[in-house]
């Protein structure tokens, strides 16, 4: 049995069916590339997130360590961070 193409393209000329199939391939490739770019950006933001050392007894910030080095604690810092509980 010969491949008849996608059901939505049946009845269209063969040239048009081939163009539609090519466009579907390009769209699929673009979607995959966009997803990979977003995944890499998200991974990079997770790896660059500072670690905030928080005292287990007081609940206050002890220190902040980022890829740029140790930084002072800033109240109200709205960045994404990884919380590390310490004694």
C-alpha atoms as a PDB file:
ATOM      1  CA  UNK A   1       0.000   0.000   0.000  1.00  0.00           C
ATOM      2  CA  UNK A   2       1.348   3.412  -0.977  1.00  0.00           C
ATOM      3  CA  UNK A   3       1.569   6.300   1.514  1.00  0.00           C
ATOM      4  CA  UNK A   4      -1.391   8.588   0.904  1.00  0.00           C
ATOM      5  CA  UNK A   5      -0.166  11.569   2.958  1.00  0.00           C
ATOM      6  CA  UNK A   6      -1.828  13.252   5.873  1.00  0.00           C
ATOM      7  CA  UNK A   7      -5.642  12.943   5.918  1.00  0.00           C
ATOM      8  CA  UNK A   8      -6.032  16.737   5.825  1.00  0.00           C
ATOM      9  CA  UNK A   9      -3.997  16.990   2.613  1.00  0.00           C
ATOM     10  CA  UNK A  10      -5.785  14.237   0.715  1.00  0.00           C
ATOM     11  CA  UNK A  11      -7.276  15.523  -2.479  1.00  0.00           C
ATOM     12  CA  UNK A  12      -4.644  18.249  -2.863  1.00  0.00           C
ATOM     13  CA  UNK A  13      -2.134  18.107  -5.699  1.00  0.00           C
ATOM     14  CA  UNK A  14       1.038  16.123  -4.911  1.00  0.00           C
ATOM     15  CA  UNK A  15       3.226  19.251  -5.076  1.00  0.00           C
ATOM     16  CA  UNK A  16       1.112  21.011  -2.481  1.00  0.00           C
ATOM     17  CA  UNK A  17       1.210  17.933  -0.238  1.00  0.00           C
ATOM     18  CA  UNK A  18       5.025  17.898  -0.414  1.00  0.00           C
ATOM     19  CA  UNK A  19       5.209  21.613   0.450  1.00  0.00           C
ATOM     20  CA  UNK A  20       2.908  21.100   3.434  1.00  0.00           C
ATOM     21  CA  UNK A  21       4.994  18.124   4.621  1.00  0.00           C
ATOM     22  CA  UNK A  22       8.187  20.199   4.287  1.00  0.00           C
ATOM     23  CA  UNK A  23       6.630  23.051   6.268  1.00  0.00           C
ATOM     24  CA  UNK A  24       5.541  20.612   8.972  1.00  0.00           C
ATOM     25  CA  UNK A  25       9.149  19.419   9.211  1.00  0.00           C
ATOM     26  CA  UNK A  26      10.448  22.997   9.499  1.00  0.00           C
ATOM     27  CA  UNK A  27       7.857  23.874  12.148  1.00  0.00           C
ATOM     28  CA  UNK A  28       8.787  20.754  14.130  1.00  0.00           C
ATOM     29  CA  UNK A  29      12.471  21.704  13.966  1.00  0.00           C
ATOM     30  CA  UNK A  30      11.734  25.265  15.123  1.00  0.00           C
ATOM     31  CA  UNK A  31       9.672  23.983  18.063  1.00  0.00           C
ATOM     32  CA  UNK A  32      12.487  21.628  19.129  1.00  0.00           C
ATOM     33  CA  UNK A  33      15.111  24.409  18.875  1.00  0.00           C
ATOM     34  CA  UNK A  34      12.955  26.804  20.921  1.00  0.00           C
ATOM     35  CA  UNK A  35      12.409  24.155  23.609  1.00  0.00           C
ATOM     36  CA  UNK A  36      16.141  23.408  23.807  1.00  0.00           C
ATOM     37  CA  UNK A  37      16.971  27.131  24.084  1.00  0.00           C
ATOM     38  CA  UNK A  38      14.499  27.573  26.956  1.00  0.00           C
ATOM     39  CA  UNK A  39      15.833  24.474  28.710  1.00  0.00           C
ATOM     40  CA  UNK A  40      19.432  25.744  28.453  1.00  0.00           C
ATOM     41  CA  UNK A  41      18.395  29.201  29.733  1.00  0.00           C
ATOM     42  CA  UNK A  42      16.575  27.623  32.671  1.00  0.00           C
ATOM     43  CA  UNK A  43      19.530  25.381  33.498  1.00  0.00           C
ATOM     44  CA  UNK A  44      21.903  28.338  33.334  1.00  0.00           C
ATOM     45  CA  UNK A  45      19.709  30.392  35.670  1.00  0.00           C
ATOM     46  CA  UNK A  46      19.570  27.462  38.124  1.00  0.00           C
ATOM     47  CA  UNK A  47      23.359  27.081  38.072  1.00  0.00           C
ATOM     48  CA  UNK A  48      23.908  30.830  38.505  1.00  0.00           C
ATOM     49  CA  UNK A  49      21.461  31.119  41.405  1.00  0.00           C
ATOM     50  CA  UNK A  50      23.154  32.165  44.651  1.00  0.00           C
ATOM     51  CA  UNK A  51      23.112  29.918  47.714  1.00  0.00           C
ATOM     52  CA  UNK A  52      21.637  31.655  50.743  1.00  0.00           C
ATOM     53  CA  UNK A  53      22.812  30.162  54.038  1.00  0.00           C
ATOM     54  CA  UNK A  54      20.011  30.540  56.592  1.00  0.00           C
ATOM     55  CA  UNK A  55      20.355  29.859  60.319  1.00  0.00           C
ATOM     56  CA  UNK A  56      18.143  26.979  61.422  1.00  0.00           C
ATOM     57  CA  UNK A  57      17.634  28.484  64.893  1.00  0.00           C
ATOM     58  CA  UNK A  58      16.987  32.143  63.973  1.00  0.00           C
ATOM     59  CA  UNK A  59      15.767  31.848  60.384  1.00  0.00           C
ATOM     60  CA  UNK A  60      18.030  34.753  59.384  1.00  0.00           C
ATOM     61  CA  UNK A  61      20.490  34.925  56.536  1.00  0.00           C
ATOM     62  CA  UNK A  62      24.060  34.034  57.526  1.00  0.00           C
ATOM     63  CA  UNK A  63      25.801  34.516  54.169  1.00  0.00           C
ATOM     64  CA  UNK A  64      25.192  34.487  50.435  1.00  0.00           C
ATOM     65  CA  UNK A  65      27.498  32.610  48.068  1.00  0.00           C
ATOM     66  CA  UNK A  66      27.151  33.183  44.331  1.00  0.00           C
ATOM     67  CA  UNK A  67      29.316  32.264  41.336  1.00  0.00           C
ATOM     68  CA  UNK A  68      30.842  35.749  41.724  1.00  0.00           C
ATOM     69  CA  UNK A  69      31.922  34.983  45.297  1.00  0.00           C
ATOM     70  CA  UNK A  70      30.595  35.604  48.786  1.00  0.00           C
ATOM     71  CA  UNK A  71      28.203  38.524  49.165  1.00  0.00           C
ATOM     72  CA  UNK A  72      26.551  40.204  52.145  1.00  0.00           C
ATOM     73  CA  UNK A  73      22.962  39.374  53.071  1.00  0.00           C
ATOM     74  CA  UNK A  74      20.498  41.896  51.688  1.00  0.00           C
ATOM     75  CA  UNK A  75      16.988  42.053  53.142  1.00  0.00           C
ATOM     76  CA  UNK A  76      14.255  41.854  50.552  1.00  0.00           C
ATOM     77  CA  UNK A  77      16.496  40.365  47.881  1.00  0.00           C
ATOM     78  CA  UNK A  78      14.037  39.139  45.209  1.00  0.00           C
ATOM     79  CA  UNK A  79      16.440  37.007  43.155  1.00  0.00           C
ATOM     80  CA  UNK A  80      15.972  33.314  42.721  1.00  0.00           C
ATOM     81  CA  UNK A  81      18.182  31.440  45.136  1.00  0.00           C
ATOM     82  CA  UNK A  82      18.893  28.079  46.700  1.00  0.00           C
ATOM     83  CA  UNK A  83      18.343  28.011  50.455  1.00  0.00           C
ATOM     84  CA  UNK A  84      20.885  26.099  52.570  1.00  0.00           C
ATOM     85  CA  UNK A  85      20.016  25.555  56.239  1.00  0.00           C
ATOM     86  CA  UNK A  86      22.895  25.812  58.716  1.00  0.00           C
ATOM     87  CA  UNK A  87      23.232  25.595  62.517  1.00  0.00           C
END
